[in-house]
Amino acid sequence: MNEKATTLSALALLIVMGGAASAATKSITLPPDGVQLTPSTLPGYAKAQTNCVVCHSAEYMVYQPPNAARPYWDAMVKRMKAVFKAPIEDADMPEIVDYLAKTYGNEK
């Protein structure tokens, strides 16, 4: 191996080792969640607890337009699954949308 290749190999090793060391020392502390989902007897309530607030605060629902219609909530749930890879079962989506539209949307 020539001197330039040896230097590049050593530099690459230092970068990899340095990145691993700094990644191991980082941590994050999230603030407590002050907003909870509005309780409901609708089946989508339990499914929203299982699927939605695992990734984000219930505050996200509260800040949506209060006059949002069912198609809006349907699009949001589909977006969470497609774009953000939320692990929502297709069969659960209609019940989650129903809960959101009736609890936070224009069907209150």
Protein backbone atom coordinates (compact mmCIF):
# COMPACT_ATOMS: atom_id res chain seq x y z
CA MET A 1 0.00 0.00 0.00
CA ASN A 2 1.44 3.41 -0.85
CA GLU A 3 1.82 6.25 1.65
CA LYS A 4 -1.24 8.18 0.34
CA ALA A 5 -3.49 5.10 0.61
CA THR A 6 -2.19 4.37 4.12
CA THR A 7 -2.89 7.95 5.21
CA LEU A 8 -6.42 7.85 3.74
CA SER A 9 -7.12 4.51 5.44
CA ALA A 10 -5.93 5.86 8.78
CA LEU A 11 -8.03 9.02 8.34
CA ALA A 12 -11.13 6.97 7.48
CA LEU A 13 -10.60 4.81 10.58
CA LEU A 14 -10.32 7.90 12.79
CA ILE A 15 -13.53 9.34 11.33
CA VAL A 16 -15.42 6.09 11.89
CA MET A 17 -14.09 5.69 15.42
CA GLY A 18 -14.74 9.33 16.26
CA GLY A 19 -18.31 9.11 14.95
CA ALA A 20 -19.02 5.98 16.95
CA ALA A 21 -17.61 7.50 20.13
CA SER A 22 -19.63 10.70 19.83
CA ALA A 23 -22.83 8.82 18.96
CA ALA A 24 -22.52 6.72 22.09
CA THR A 25 -22.33 9.78 24.39
CA LYS A 26 -25.37 11.65 23.04
CA SER A 27 -28.73 11.50 24.76
CA ILE A 28 -32.03 13.29 24.53
CA THR A 29 -34.59 14.04 27.21
CA LEU A 30 -38.07 14.84 26.02
CA PRO A 31 -40.35 17.13 28.02
CA PRO A 32 -43.36 15.54 29.69
CA ASP A 33 -46.44 15.27 27.51
CA GLY A 34 -49.00 17.70 28.94
CA VAL A 35 -51.82 16.81 26.55
CA GLN A 36 -53.59 13.47 26.43
CA LEU A 37 -56.05 12.11 23.87
CA THR A 38 -59.66 12.94 24.67
CA PRO A 39 -61.18 9.76 26.13
CA SER A 40 -63.92 8.13 24.10
CA THR A 41 -65.89 4.91 23.85
CA LEU A 42 -65.16 4.84 20.11
CA PRO A 43 -62.90 1.91 19.09
CA GLY A 44 -60.54 4.36 17.39
CA TYR A 45 -59.62 5.91 20.76
CA ALA A 46 -57.67 2.83 21.90
CA LYS A 47 -56.17 2.45 18.44
CA ALA A 48 -55.06 6.10 18.43
CA GLN A 49 -53.44 5.56 21.83
CA THR A 50 -51.61 2.55 20.46
CA ASN A 51 -50.63 4.03 17.09
CA CYS A 52 -50.58 7.82 17.23
CA VAL A 53 -49.22 9.06 20.54
CA VAL A 54 -46.38 6.56 20.41
CA CYS A 55 -44.70 8.94 17.94
CA HIS A 56 -46.13 12.36 18.77
CA SER A 57 -48.05 14.21 21.42
CA ALA A 58 -51.84 14.35 21.45
CA GLU A 59 -51.22 18.07 21.18
CA TYR A 60 -50.85 17.44 17.46
CA MET A 61 -54.57 16.62 17.24
CA VAL A 62 -55.62 19.60 19.35
CA TYR A 63 -53.80 22.03 17.03
CA GLN A 64 -55.53 20.80 13.89
CA PRO A 65 -58.35 22.94 12.47
CA PRO A 66 -61.46 22.39 14.62
CA ASN A 67 -63.61 22.48 11.48
CA ALA A 68 -61.54 19.77 9.78
CA ALA A 69 -63.82 17.33 7.98
CA ARG A 70 -63.44 13.55 7.78
CA PRO A 71 -61.43 13.67 4.49
CA TYR A 72 -58.85 15.87 6.24
CA TRP A 73 -58.40 13.33 9.06
CA ASP A 74 -58.34 10.47 6.57
CA ALA A 75 -55.54 12.22 4.67
CA MET A 76 -53.61 12.85 7.91
CA VAL A 77 -53.76 9.21 8.99
CA LYS A 78 -52.74 8.03 5.52
CA ARG A 79 -49.90 10.58 5.54
CA MET A 80 -48.64 9.32 8.90
CA LYS A 81 -48.48 5.80 7.51
CA ALA A 82 -47.07 6.61 4.05
CA VAL A 83 -44.67 9.44 4.82
CA PHE A 84 -43.68 8.86 8.44
CA LYS A 85 -43.97 5.04 8.33
CA ALA A 86 -46.37 4.83 11.28
CA PRO A 87 -47.03 1.15 11.96
CA ILE A 88 -50.81 1.47 11.53
CA GLU A 89 -52.71 -1.55 10.26
CA ASP A 90 -54.90 -0.75 7.25
CA ALA A 91 -57.87 -2.31 9.05
CA ASP A 92 -57.43 0.12 12.00
CA MET A 93 -57.31 3.27 9.90
CA PRO A 94 -61.09 3.83 9.45
CA GLU A 95 -61.71 3.58 13.21
CA ILE A 96 -58.85 5.98 13.98
CA VAL A 97 -60.21 8.43 11.40
CA ASP A 98 -63.70 8.07 12.88
CA TYR A 99 -62.39 8.86 16.37
CA LEU A 100 -60.39 11.87 15.15
CA ALA A 101 -63.23 13.33 13.06
CA LYS A 102 -65.76 12.92 15.88
CA THR A 103 -63.46 14.08 18.67
CA TYR A 104 -61.31 16.79 17.10
CA GLY A 105 -62.97 17.58 13.78
CA ASN A 106 -66.22 19.04 12.56
CA GLU A 107 -68.28 16.02 13.63
CA LYS A 108 -68.03 16.91 17.36
